[in-house]
Amino acid sequence: MDPELAQIFNYVIQLLPAIVAIVALGVGGSLLHTWLRIKNGYPLQNSWGMAIHPKSDKEAMERIKLLTTENAQLRAEIGSMKDRMETIERIVTDQPSLLAQEIDRLAIDKGGRA
């Protein structure tokens, strides 16, 4: 191998970690910049430096409204199902004699003896 070529090769090998570090810092800085812009509510930019604002079309807003309404209905239904489950658990875990007494008491309260 030519000594001059070996010297150039060694020089490039010595510069390689510095080049990698500079590229990593550039990419990391760009990611940090973008993350800070998103976190603080600033719009992102395209390659021409123009602000990119999220699109808000009426169809998406209507879909969000429908999903929110459906979510509220499902939560209410789950709440009523939890109440029913508590009642069923109480019936199953109570002693049979207490259950019979409570049924008799309810029958008496309705207006007639069982």
PDB file of N, CA and C in Angstrom:
ATOM      1  N   MET A   1       0.857  -1.170   0.000  1.00  0.00           N
ATOM      2  CA  MET A   1       0.000   0.000   0.000  1.00  0.00           C
ATOM      3  C   MET A   1       0.904   1.234   0.000  1.00  0.00           C
ATOM      4  N   ASP A   2       0.499   2.187  -0.734  1.00  0.00           N
ATOM      5  CA  ASP A   2       1.256   3.430  -0.864  1.00  0.00           C
ATOM      6  C   ASP A   2       1.243   4.175   0.475  1.00  0.00           C
ATOM      7  N   PRO A   3       2.385   4.672   0.974  1.00  0.00           N
ATOM      8  CA  PRO A   3       2.428   5.363   2.270  1.00  0.00           C
ATOM      9  C   PRO A   3       1.544   6.606   2.300  1.00  0.00           C
ATOM     10  N   GLU A   4       1.446   7.288   1.181  1.00  0.00           N
ATOM     11  CA  GLU A   4       0.604   8.484   1.149  1.00  0.00           C
ATOM     12  C   GLU A   4      -0.871   8.101   1.274  1.00  0.00           C
ATOM     13  N   LEU A   5      -1.277   7.031   0.608  1.00  0.00           N
ATOM     14  CA  LEU A   5      -2.646   6.535   0.688  1.00  0.00           C
ATOM     15  C   LEU A   5      -2.961   6.039   2.098  1.00  0.00           C
ATOM     16  N   ALA A   6      -2.031   5.368   2.729  1.00  0.00           N
ATOM     17  CA  ALA A   6      -2.208   4.900   4.106  1.00  0.00           C
ATOM     18  C   ALA A   6      -2.368   6.069   5.054  1.00  0.00           C
ATOM     19  N   GLN A   7      -1.641   7.159   4.816  1.00  0.00           N
ATOM     20  CA  GLN A   7      -1.731   8.335   5.671  1.00  0.00           C
ATOM     21  C   GLN A   7      -3.119   8.985   5.526  1.00  0.00           C
ATOM     22  N   ILE A   8      -3.617   9.062   4.311  1.00  0.00           N
ATOM     23  CA  ILE A   8      -4.967   9.617   4.075  1.00  0.00           C
ATOM     24  C   ILE A   8      -6.015   8.732   4.735  1.00  0.00           C
ATOM     25  N   PHE A   9      -5.850   7.414   4.601  1.00  0.00           N
ATOM     26  CA  PHE A   9      -6.787   6.466   5.207  1.00  0.00           C
ATOM     27  C   PHE A   9      -6.812   6.626   6.732  1.00  0.00           C
ATOM     28  N   ASN A  10      -5.652   6.735   7.351  1.00  0.00           N
ATOM     29  CA  ASN A  10      -5.580   6.938   8.806  1.00  0.00           C
ATOM     30  C   ASN A  10      -6.223   8.257   9.212  1.00  0.00           C
ATOM     31  N   TYR A  11      -6.027   9.286   8.405  1.00  0.00           N
ATOM     32  CA  TYR A  11      -6.623  10.583   8.698  1.00  0.00           C
ATOM     33  C   TYR A  11      -8.156  10.497   8.666  1.00  0.00           C
ATOM     34  N   VAL A  12      -8.696   9.785   7.668  1.00  0.00           N
ATOM     35  CA  VAL A  12     -10.155   9.621   7.555  1.00  0.00           C
ATOM     36  C   VAL A  12     -10.679   8.806   8.738  1.00  0.00           C
ATOM     37  N   ILE A  13      -9.962   7.772   9.128  1.00  0.00           N
ATOM     38  CA  ILE A  13     -10.371   6.942  10.264  1.00  0.00           C
ATOM     39  C   ILE A  13     -10.389   7.775  11.542  1.00  0.00           C
ATOM     40  N   GLN A  14      -9.429   8.686  11.701  1.00  0.00           N
ATOM     41  CA  GLN A  14      -9.391   9.535  12.889  1.00  0.00           C
ATOM     42  C   GLN A  14     -10.526  10.554  12.887  1.00  0.00           C
ATOM     43  N   LEU A  15     -10.951  11.000  11.711  1.00  0.00           N
ATOM     44  CA  LEU A  15     -12.044  11.978  11.615  1.00  0.00           C
ATOM     45  C   LEU A  15     -13.430  11.342  11.723  1.00  0.00           C
ATOM     46  N   LEU A  16     -13.539  10.062  11.482  1.00  0.00           N
ATOM     47  CA  LEU A  16     -14.832   9.387  11.449  1.00  0.00           C
ATOM     48  C   LEU A  16     -15.643   9.572  12.737  1.00  0.00           C
ATOM     49  N   PRO A  17     -15.091   9.386  13.948  1.00  0.00           N
ATOM     50  CA  PRO A  17     -15.906   9.614  15.154  1.00  0.00           C
ATOM     51  C   PRO A  17     -16.409  11.045  15.270  1.00  0.00           C
ATOM     52  N   ALA A  18     -15.617  12.014  14.860  1.00  0.00           N
ATOM     53  CA  ALA A  18     -16.054  13.404  14.913  1.00  0.00           C
ATOM     54  C   ALA A  18     -17.202  13.646  13.934  1.00  0.00           C
ATOM     55  N   ILE A  19     -17.113  13.052  12.747  1.00  0.00           N
ATOM     56  CA  ILE A  19     -18.183  13.204  11.748  1.00  0.00           C
ATOM     57  C   ILE A  19     -19.472  12.564  12.252  1.00  0.00           C
ATOM     58  N   VAL A  20     -19.354  11.370  12.837  1.00  0.00           N
ATOM     59  CA  VAL A  20     -20.534  10.693  13.391  1.00  0.00           C
ATOM     60  C   VAL A  20     -21.146  11.518  14.514  1.00  0.00           C
ATOM     61  N   ALA A  21     -20.313  12.093  15.376  1.00  0.00           N
ATOM     62  CA  ALA A  21     -20.816  12.911  16.483  1.00  0.00           C
ATOM     63  C   ALA A  21     -21.534  14.150  15.961  1.00  0.00           C
ATOM     64  N   ILE A  22     -20.990  14.801  14.935  1.00  0.00           N
ATOM     65  CA  ILE A  22     -21.619  15.997  14.374  1.00  0.00           C
ATOM     66  C   ILE A  22     -22.968  15.658  13.748  1.00  0.00           C
ATOM     67  N   VAL A  23     -23.048  14.551  13.019  1.00  0.00           N
ATOM     68  CA  VAL A  23     -24.315  14.133  12.411  1.00  0.00           C
ATOM     69  C   VAL A  23     -25.336  13.780  13.490  1.00  0.00           C
ATOM     70  N   ALA A  24     -24.894  13.058  14.534  1.00  0.00           N
ATOM     71  CA  ALA A  24     -25.808  12.691  15.624  1.00  0.00           C
ATOM     72  C   ALA A  24     -26.327  13.929  16.345  1.00  0.00           C
ATOM     73  N   LEU A  25     -25.463  14.913  16.579  1.00  0.00           N
ATOM     74  CA  LEU A  25     -25.910  16.151  17.220  1.00  0.00           C
ATOM     75  C   LEU A  25     -26.905  16.909  16.344  1.00  0.00           C
ATOM     76  N   GLY A  26     -26.673  16.902  15.048  1.00  0.00           N
ATOM     77  CA  GLY A  26     -27.603  17.579  14.144  1.00  0.00           C
ATOM     78  C   GLY A  26     -28.972  16.929  14.132  1.00  0.00           C
ATOM     79  N   VAL A  27     -29.000  15.610  14.043  1.00  0.00           N
ATOM     80  CA  VAL A  27     -30.277  14.891  14.042  1.00  0.00           C
ATOM     81  C   VAL A  27     -30.968  15.041  15.397  1.00  0.00           C
ATOM     82  N   GLY A  28     -30.206  14.892  16.476  1.00  0.00           N
ATOM     83  CA  GLY A  28     -30.785  15.048  17.816  1.00  0.00           C
ATOM     84  C   GLY A  28     -31.325  16.454  18.043  1.00  0.00           C
ATOM     85  N   GLY A  29     -30.599  17.446  17.574  1.00  0.00           N
ATOM     86  CA  GLY A  29     -31.066  18.828  17.712  1.00  0.00           C
ATOM     87  C   GLY A  29     -32.339  19.078  16.934  1.00  0.00           C
ATOM     88  N   SER A  30     -32.422  18.507  15.750  1.00  0.00           N
ATOM     89  CA  SER A  30     -33.626  18.658  14.947  1.00  0.00           C
ATOM     90  C   SER A  30     -34.824  17.988  15.620  1.00  0.00           C
ATOM     91  N   LEU A  31     -34.602  16.808  16.164  1.00  0.00           N
ATOM     92  CA  LEU A  31     -35.685  16.115  16.876  1.00  0.00           C
ATOM     93  C   LEU A  31     -36.118  16.901  18.106  1.00  0.00           C
ATOM     94  N   LEU A  32     -35.164  17.423  18.857  1.00  0.00           N
ATOM     95  CA  LEU A  32     -35.483  18.221  20.047  1.00  0.00           C
ATOM     96  C   LEU A  32     -36.256  19.479  19.661  1.00  0.00           C
ATOM     97  N   HIS A  33     -35.837  20.133  18.588  1.00  0.00           N
ATOM     98  CA  HIS A  33     -36.518  21.335  18.115  1.00  0.00           C
ATOM     99  C   HIS A  33     -37.966  21.035  17.746  1.00  0.00           C
ATOM    100  N   THR A  34     -38.176  19.960  17.016  1.00  0.00           N
ATOM    101  CA  THR A  34     -39.531  19.578  16.613  1.00  0.00           C
ATOM    102  C   THR A  34     -40.375  19.220  17.821  1.00  0.00           C
ATOM    103  N   TRP A  35     -39.800  18.470  18.752  1.00  0.00           N
ATOM    104  CA  TRP A  35     -40.541  18.082  19.956  1.00  0.00           C
ATOM    105  C   TRP A  35     -40.939  19.302  20.767  1.00  0.00           C
ATOM    106  N   LEU A  36     -40.040  20.268  20.917  1.00  0.00           N
ATOM    107  CA  LEU A  36     -40.355  21.480  21.680  1.00  0.00           C
ATOM    108  C   LEU A  36     -41.430  22.303  20.979  1.00  0.00           C
ATOM    109  N   ARG A  37     -41.401  22.358  19.666  1.00  0.00           N
ATOM    110  CA  ARG A  37     -42.440  23.096  18.936  1.00  0.00           C
ATOM    111  C   ARG A  37     -43.802  22.447  19.148  1.00  0.00           C
ATOM    112  N   ILE A  38     -43.846  21.122  19.073  1.00  0.00           N
ATOM    113  CA  ILE A  38     -45.112  20.414  19.280  1.00  0.00           C
ATOM    114  C   ILE A  38     -45.589  20.587  20.714  1.00  0.00           C
ATOM    115  N   LYS A  39     -44.689  20.435  21.666  1.00  0.00           N
ATOM    116  CA  LYS A  39     -45.044  20.519  23.082  1.00  0.00           C
ATOM    117  C   LYS A  39     -45.604  21.889  23.438  1.00  0.00           C
ATOM    118  N   ASN A  40     -45.046  22.941  22.862  1.00  0.00           N
ATOM    119  CA  ASN A  40     -45.462  24.297  23.210  1.00  0.00           C
ATOM    120  C   ASN A  40     -46.514  24.874  22.276  1.00  0.00           C
ATOM    121  N   GLY A  41     -47.020  24.062  21.362  1.00  0.00           N
ATOM    122  CA  GLY A  41     -48.155  24.479  20.546  1.00  0.00           C
ATOM    123  C   GLY A  41     -47.803  25.276  19.315  1.00  0.00           C
ATOM    124  N   TYR A  42     -46.550  25.345  18.926  1.00  0.00           N
ATOM    125  CA  TYR A  42     -46.185  26.058  17.711  1.00  0.00           C
ATOM    126  C   TYR A  42     -46.414  25.159  16.501  1.00  0.00           C
ATOM    127  N   PRO A  43     -46.766  25.752  15.359  1.00  0.00           N
ATOM    128  CA  PRO A  43     -46.973  24.915  14.169  1.00  0.00           C
ATOM    129  C   PRO A  43     -45.642  24.396  13.634  1.00  0.00           C
ATOM    130  N   LEU A  44     -45.694  23.247  13.024  1.00  0.00           N
ATOM    131  CA  LEU A  44     -44.512  22.693  12.375  1.00  0.00           C
ATOM    132  C   LEU A  44     -44.279  23.428  11.061  1.00  0.00           C
ATOM    133  N   GLN A  45     -43.103  23.216  10.458  1.00  0.00           N
ATOM    134  CA  GLN A  45     -42.783  23.884   9.197  1.00  0.00           C
ATOM    135  C   GLN A  45     -42.453  22.855   8.133  1.00  0.00           C
ATOM    136  N   ASN A  46     -42.797  23.196   6.895  1.00  0.00           N
ATOM    137  CA  ASN A  46     -42.418  22.313   5.795  1.00  0.00           C
ATOM    138  C   ASN A  46     -41.007  22.669   5.332  1.00  0.00           C
ATOM    139  N   SER A  47     -40.552  22.057   4.264  1.00  0.00           N
ATOM    140  CA  SER A  47     -39.186  22.281   3.812  1.00  0.00           C
ATOM    141  C   SER A  47     -38.957  23.702   3.293  1.00  0.00           C
ATOM    142  N   TRP A  48     -40.022  24.449   3.005  1.00  0.00           N
ATOM    143  CA  TRP A  48     -39.905  25.824   2.533  1.00  0.00           C
ATOM    144  C   TRP A  48     -40.028  26.828   3.663  1.00  0.00           C
ATOM    145  N   GLY A  49     -40.195  26.344   4.902  1.00  0.00           N
ATOM    146  CA  GLY A  49     -40.313  27.244   6.048  1.00  0.00           C
ATOM    147  C   GLY A  49     -41.715  27.744   6.297  1.00  0.00           C
ATOM    148  N   MET A  50     -42.688  27.221   5.574  1.00  0.00           N
ATOM    149  CA  MET A  50     -44.076  27.642   5.758  1.00  0.00           C
ATOM    150  C   MET A  50     -44.710  26.816   6.877  1.00  0.00           C
ATOM    151  N   ALA A  51     -45.568  27.459   7.643  1.00  0.00           N
ATOM    152  CA  ALA A  51     -46.214  26.779   8.771  1.00  0.00           C
ATOM    153  C   ALA A  51     -47.188  25.723   8.266  1.00  0.00           C
ATOM    154  N   ILE A  52     -47.187  24.589   8.944  1.00  0.00           N
ATOM    155  CA  ILE A  52     -48.113  23.502   8.631  1.00  0.00           C
ATOM    156  C   ILE A  52     -49.124  23.434   9.774  1.00  0.00           C
ATOM    157  N   HIS A  53     -50.373  23.735   9.471  1.00  0.00           N
ATOM    158  CA  HIS A  53     -51.426  23.676  10.483  1.00  0.00           C
ATOM    159  C   HIS A  53     -52.251  22.418  10.240  1.00  0.00           C
ATOM    160  N   PRO A  54     -52.694  21.765  11.321  1.00  0.00           N
ATOM    161  CA  PRO A  54     -53.519  20.576  11.130  1.00  0.00           C
ATOM    162  C   PRO A  54     -54.849  20.949  10.482  1.00  0.00           C
ATOM    163  N   LYS A  55     -55.305  20.092   9.606  1.00  0.00           N
ATOM    164  CA  LYS A  55     -56.573  20.325   8.928  1.00  0.00           C
ATOM    165  C   LYS A  55     -57.718  19.924   9.854  1.00  0.00           C
ATOM    166  N   SER A  56     -58.766  20.715   9.864  1.00  0.00           N
ATOM    167  CA  SER A  56     -59.949  20.374  10.661  1.00  0.00           C
ATOM    168  C   SER A  56     -61.159  20.440   9.738  1.00  0.00           C
ATOM    169  N   ASP A  57     -61.519  19.311   9.205  1.00  0.00           N
ATOM    170  CA  ASP A  57     -62.676  19.280   8.328  1.00  0.00           C
ATOM    171  C   ASP A  57     -63.933  18.965   9.130  1.00  0.00           C
ATOM    172  N   LYS A  58     -65.054  19.316   8.568  1.00  0.00           N
ATOM    173  CA  LYS A  58     -66.331  19.144   9.270  1.00  0.00           C
ATOM    174  C   LYS A  58     -66.664  17.670   9.496  1.00  0.00           C
ATOM    175  N   GLU A  59     -66.257  16.830   8.567  1.00  0.00           N
ATOM    176  CA  GLU A  59     -66.548  15.398   8.699  1.00  0.00           C
ATOM    177  C   GLU A  59     -65.842  14.815   9.922  1.00  0.00           C
ATOM    178  N   ALA A  60     -64.599  15.194  10.128  1.00  0.00           N
ATOM    179  CA  ALA A  60     -63.856  14.696  11.284  1.00  0.00           C
ATOM    180  C   ALA A  60     -64.466  15.224  12.583  1.00  0.00           C
ATOM    181  N   MET A  61     -64.873  16.483  12.600  1.00  0.00           N
ATOM    182  CA  MET A  61     -65.486  17.048  13.803  1.00  0.00           C
ATOM    183  C   MET A  61     -66.809  16.354  14.120  1.00  0.00           C
ATOM    184  N   GLU A  62     -67.602  16.067  13.099  1.00  0.00           N
ATOM    185  CA  GLU A  62     -68.871  15.366  13.299  1.00  0.00           C
ATOM    186  C   GLU A  62     -68.624  13.954  13.823  1.00  0.00           C
ATOM    187  N   ARG A  63     -67.609  13.314  13.284  1.00  0.00           N
ATOM    188  CA  ARG A  63     -67.259  11.960  13.739  1.00  0.00           C
ATOM    189  C   ARG A  63     -66.837  11.986  15.216  1.00  0.00           C
ATOM    190  N   ILE A  64     -66.083  13.005  15.607  1.00  0.00           N
ATOM    191  CA  ILE A  64     -65.667  13.139  17.003  1.00  0.00           C
ATOM    192  C   ILE A  64     -66.870  13.339  17.904  1.00  0.00           C
ATOM    193  N   LYS A  65     -67.831  14.165  17.454  1.00  0.00           N
ATOM    194  CA  LYS A  65     -69.050  14.380  18.241  1.00  0.00           C
ATOM    195  C   LYS A  65     -69.819  13.073  18.436  1.00  0.00           C
ATOM    196  N   LEU A  66     -69.974  12.309  17.354  1.00  0.00           N
ATOM    197  CA  LEU A  66     -70.701  11.043  17.442  1.00  0.00           C
ATOM    198  C   LEU A  66     -69.994  10.062  18.374  1.00  0.00           C
ATOM    199  N   LEU A  67     -68.684   9.989  18.255  1.00  0.00           N
ATOM    200  CA  LEU A  67     -67.938   9.076  19.126  1.00  0.00           C
ATOM    201  C   LEU A  67     -68.011   9.509  20.583  1.00  0.00           C
ATOM    202  N   THR A  68     -67.988  10.804  20.832  1.00  0.00           N
ATOM    203  CA  THR A  68     -68.098  11.301  22.204  1.00  0.00           C
ATOM    204  C   THR A  68     -69.458  10.964  22.789  1.00  0.00           C
ATOM    205  N   THR A  69     -70.507  11.142  21.996  1.00  0.00           N
ATOM    206  CA  THR A  69     -71.859  10.808  22.457  1.00  0.00           C
ATOM    207  C   THR A  69     -71.977   9.312  22.731  1.00  0.00           C
ATOM    208  N   GLU A  70     -71.471   8.512  21.821  1.00  0.00           N
ATOM    209  CA  GLU A  70     -71.527   7.062  22.013  1.00  0.00           C
ATOM    210  C   GLU A  70     -70.723   6.645  23.246  1.00  0.00           C
ATOM    211  N   ASN A  71     -69.599   7.283  23.457  1.00  0.00           N
ATOM    212  CA  ASN A  71     -68.775   6.986  24.628  1.00  0.00           C
ATOM    213  C   ASN A  71     -69.541   7.285  25.914  1.00  0.00           C
ATOM    214  N   ALA A  72     -70.246   8.418  25.955  1.00  0.00           N
ATOM    215  CA  ALA A  72     -71.019   8.770  27.145  1.00  0.00           C
ATOM    216  C   ALA A  72     -72.148   7.761  27.387  1.00  0.00           C
ATOM    217  N   GLN A  73     -72.813   7.329  26.314  1.00  0.00           N
ATOM    218  CA  GLN A  73     -73.880   6.345  26.456  1.00  0.00           C
ATOM    219  C   GLN A  73     -73.339   5.013  26.960  1.00  0.00           C
ATOM    220  N   LEU A  74     -72.208   4.598  26.426  1.00  0.00           N
ATOM    221  CA  LEU A  74     -71.620   3.326  26.866  1.00  0.00           C
ATOM    222  C   LEU A  74     -71.164   3.392  28.317  1.00  0.00           C
ATOM    223  N   ARG A  75     -70.647   4.535  28.719  1.00  0.00           N
ATOM    224  CA  ARG A  75     -70.237   4.681  30.128  1.00  0.00           C
ATOM    225  C   ARG A  75     -71.449   4.599  31.064  1.00  0.00           C
ATOM    226  N   ALA A  76     -72.557   5.220  30.664  1.00  0.00           N
ATOM    227  CA  ALA A  76     -73.773   5.147  31.476  1.00  0.00           C
ATOM    228  C   ALA A  76     -74.280   3.709  31.552  1.00  0.00           C
ATOM    229  N   GLU A  77     -74.241   3.009  30.436  1.00  0.00           N
ATOM    230  CA  GLU A  77     -74.680   1.614  30.421  1.00  0.00           C
ATOM    231  C   GLU A  77     -73.787   0.742  31.301  1.00  0.00           C
ATOM    232  N   ILE A  78     -72.498   0.974  31.267  1.00  0.00           N
ATOM    233  CA  ILE A  78     -71.574   0.215  32.117  1.00  0.00           C
ATOM    234  C   ILE A  78     -71.857   0.497  33.583  1.00  0.00           C
ATOM    235  N   GLY A  79     -72.173   1.756  33.902  1.00  0.00           N
ATOM    236  CA  GLY A  79     -72.504   2.095  35.288  1.00  0.00           C
ATOM    237  C   GLY A  79     -73.724   1.341  35.778  1.00  0.00           C
ATOM    238  N   SER A  80     -74.769   1.278  34.942  1.00  0.00           N
ATOM    239  CA  SER A  80     -75.980   0.548  35.354  1.00  0.00           C
ATOM    240  C   SER A  80     -75.693  -0.953  35.453  1.00  0.00           C
ATOM    241  N   MET A  81     -74.824  -1.470  34.579  1.00  0.00           N
ATOM    242  CA  MET A  81     -74.471  -2.888  34.660  1.00  0.00           C
ATOM    243  C   MET A  81     -73.684  -3.188  35.931  1.00  0.00           C
ATOM    244  N   LYS A  82     -72.841  -2.251  36.358  1.00  0.00           N
ATOM    245  CA  LYS A  82     -72.105  -2.437  37.612  1.00  0.00           C
ATOM    246  C   LYS A  82     -73.074  -2.519  38.794  1.00  0.00           C
ATOM    247  N   ASP A  83     -74.106  -1.646  38.777  1.00  0.00           N
ATOM    248  CA  ASP A  83     -75.100  -1.684  39.852  1.00  0.00           C
ATOM    249  C   ASP A  83     -75.825  -3.031  39.873  1.00  0.00           C
ATOM    250  N   ARG A  84     -76.195  -3.521  38.712  1.00  0.00           N
ATOM    251  CA  ARG A  84     -76.868  -4.821  38.637  1.00  0.00           C
ATOM    252  C   ARG A  84     -75.955  -5.934  39.136  1.00  0.00           C
ATOM    253  N   MET A  85     -74.683  -5.883  38.744  1.00  0.00           N
ATOM    254  CA  MET A  85     -73.734  -6.911  39.190  1.00  0.00           C
ATOM    255  C   MET A  85     -73.572  -6.903  40.709  1.00  0.00           C
ATOM    256  N   GLU A  86     -73.548  -5.704  41.309  1.00  0.00           N
ATOM    257  CA  GLU A  86     -73.453  -5.616  42.768  1.00  0.00           C
ATOM    258  C   GLU A  86     -74.656  -6.280  43.422  1.00  0.00           C
ATOM    259  N   THR A  87     -75.846  -6.054  42.862  1.00  0.00           N
ATOM    260  CA  THR A  87     -77.055  -6.670  43.404  1.00  0.00           C
ATOM    261  C   THR A  87     -76.988  -8.184  43.265  1.00  0.00           C
ATOM    262  N   ILE A  88     -76.564  -8.660  42.116  1.00  0.00           N
ATOM    263  CA  ILE A  88     -76.464 -10.105  41.899  1.00  0.00           C
ATOM    264  C   ILE A  88     -75.426 -10.720  42.833  1.00  0.00           C
ATOM    265  N   GLU A  89     -74.296 -10.050  43.006  1.00  0.00           N
ATOM    266  CA  GLU A  89     -73.269 -10.561  43.923  1.00  0.00           C
ATOM    267  C   GLU A  89     -73.804 -10.629  45.350  1.00  0.00           C
ATOM    268  N   ARG A  90     -74.575  -9.603  45.739  1.00  0.00           N
ATOM    269  CA  ARG A  90     -75.131  -9.605  47.089  1.00  0.00           C
ATOM    270  C   ARG A  90     -76.108 -10.753  47.260  1.00  0.00           C
ATOM    271  N   ILE A  91     -76.932 -10.995  46.256  1.00  0.00           N
ATOM    272  CA  ILE A  91     -77.907 -12.086  46.330  1.00  0.00           C
ATOM    273  C   ILE A  91     -77.198 -13.432  46.419  1.00  0.00           C
ATOM    274  N   VAL A  92     -76.164 -13.611  45.633  1.00  0.00           N
ATOM    275  CA  VAL A  92     -75.460 -14.887  45.593  1.00  0.00           C
ATOM    276  C   VAL A  92     -74.677 -15.128  46.875  1.00  0.00           C
ATOM    277  N   THR A  93     -74.073 -14.081  47.427  1.00  0.00           N
ATOM    278  CA  THR A  93     -73.204 -14.279  48.595  1.00  0.00           C
ATOM    279  C   THR A  93     -73.943 -14.215  49.925  1.00  0.00           C
ATOM    280  N   ASP A  94     -75.160 -13.650  49.960  1.00  0.00           N
ATOM    281  CA  ASP A  94     -75.908 -13.603  51.225  1.00  0.00           C
ATOM    282  C   ASP A  94     -76.356 -15.003  51.620  1.00  0.00           C
ATOM    283  N   GLN A  95     -76.675 -15.125  52.883  1.00  0.00           N
ATOM    284  CA  GLN A  95     -77.173 -16.409  53.374  1.00  0.00           C
ATOM    285  C   GLN A  95     -78.592 -16.625  52.836  1.00  0.00           C
ATOM    286  N   PRO A  96     -78.940 -17.857  52.514  1.00  0.00           N
ATOM    287  CA  PRO A  96     -80.273 -18.129  51.947  1.00  0.00           C
ATOM    288  C   PRO A  96     -81.414 -17.709  52.875  1.00  0.00           C
ATOM    289  N   SER A  97     -81.233 -17.827  54.171  1.00  0.00           N
ATOM    290  CA  SER A  97     -82.315 -17.464  55.086  1.00  0.00           C
ATOM    291  C   SER A  97     -82.572 -15.962  55.047  1.00  0.00           C
ATOM    292  N   LEU A  98     -81.506 -15.155  54.937  1.00  0.00           N
ATOM    293  CA  LEU A  98     -81.688 -13.704  54.843  1.00  0.00           C
ATOM    294  C   LEU A  98     -82.390 -13.333  53.545  1.00  0.00           C
ATOM    295  N   LEU A  99     -82.072 -14.025  52.483  1.00  0.00           N
ATOM    296  CA  LEU A  99     -82.708 -13.768  51.205  1.00  0.00           C
ATOM    297  C   LEU A  99     -84.195 -14.111  51.274  1.00  0.00           C
ATOM    298  N   ALA A 100     -84.519 -15.230  51.880  1.00  0.00           N
ATOM    299  CA  ALA A 100     -85.925 -15.626  52.012  1.00  0.00           C
ATOM    300  C   ALA A 100     -86.694 -14.607  52.853  1.00  0.00           C
ATOM    301  N   GLN A 101     -86.071 -14.135  53.939  1.00  0.00           N
ATOM    302  CA  GLN A 101     -86.726 -13.136  54.790  1.00  0.00           C
ATOM    303  C   GLN A 101     -86.972 -11.839  54.020  1.00  0.00           C
ATOM    304  N   GLU A 102     -86.005 -11.429  53.219  1.00  0.00           N
ATOM    305  CA  GLU A 102     -86.157 -10.195  52.457  1.00  0.00           C
ATOM    306  C   GLU A 102     -87.242 -10.336  51.402  1.00  0.00           C
ATOM    307  N   ILE A 103     -87.335 -11.500  50.753  1.00  0.00           N
ATOM    308  CA  ILE A 103     -88.390 -11.736  49.759  1.00  0.00           C
ATOM    309  C   ILE A 103     -89.749 -11.706  50.433  1.00  0.00           C
ATOM    310  N   ASP A 104     -89.871 -12.333  51.629  1.00  0.00           N
ATOM    311  CA  ASP A 104     -91.134 -12.304  52.370  1.00  0.00           C
ATOM    312  C   ASP A 104     -91.510 -10.880  52.740  1.00  0.00           C
ATOM    313  N   ARG A 105     -90.529 -10.095  53.183  1.00  0.00           N
ATOM    314  CA  ARG A 105     -90.792  -8.712  53.584  1.00  0.00           C
ATOM    315  C   ARG A 105     -91.274  -7.901  52.380  1.00  0.00           C
ATOM    316  N   LEU A 106     -90.666  -8.111  51.212  1.00  0.00           N
ATOM    317  CA  LEU A 106     -91.087  -7.390  50.017  1.00  0.00           C
ATOM    318  C   LEU A 106     -92.493  -7.801  49.592  1.00  0.00           C
ATOM    319  N   ALA A 107     -92.799  -9.075  49.748  1.00  0.00           N
ATOM    320  CA  ALA A 107     -94.141  -9.547  49.388  1.00  0.00           C
ATOM    321  C   ALA A 107     -95.182  -8.940  50.317  1.00  0.00           C
ATOM    322  N   ILE A 108     -94.837  -8.791  51.599  1.00  0.00           N
ATOM    323  CA  ILE A 108     -95.768  -8.194  52.564  1.00  0.00           C
ATOM    324  C   ILE A 108     -95.951  -6.720  52.243  1.00  0.00           C
ATOM    325  N   ASP A 109     -94.865  -6.038  51.886  1.00  0.00           N
ATOM    326  CA  ASP A 109     -94.952  -4.603  51.588  1.00  0.00           C
ATOM    327  C   ASP A 109     -95.800  -4.328  50.357  1.00  0.00           C
ATOM    328  N   LYS A 110     -95.904  -5.269  49.444  1.00  0.00           N
ATOM    329  CA  LYS A 110     -96.697  -5.055  48.233  1.00  0.00           C
ATOM    330  C   LYS A 110     -98.200  -5.139  48.517  1.00  0.00           C
ATOM    331  N   GLY A 111     -98.562  -5.659  49.649  1.00  0.00           N
ATOM    332  CA  GLY A 111     -99.979  -5.627  49.969  1.00  0.00           C
ATOM    333  C   GLY A 111    -100.608  -6.960  50.232  1.00  0.00           C
ATOM    334  N   GLY A 112     -99.893  -7.992  50.215  1.00  0.00           N
ATOM    335  CA  GLY A 112    -100.495  -9.278  50.493  1.00  0.00           C
ATOM    336  C   GLY A 112     -99.504 -10.199  51.164  1.00  0.00           C
ATOM    337  N   ARG A 113    -100.025 -11.113  51.936  1.00  0.00           N
ATOM    338  CA  ARG A 113     -99.134 -12.079  52.579  1.00  0.00           C
ATOM    339  C   ARG A 113     -98.900 -13.242  51.636  1.00  0.00           C
ATOM    340  N   ALA A 114     -97.666 -13.736  51.666  1.00  0.00           N
ATOM    341  CA  ALA A 114     -97.339 -14.845  50.791  1.00  0.00           C
ATOM    342  C   ALA A 114     -97.598 -16.156  51.466  1.00  0.00           C
TER     343      ALA A 114
END
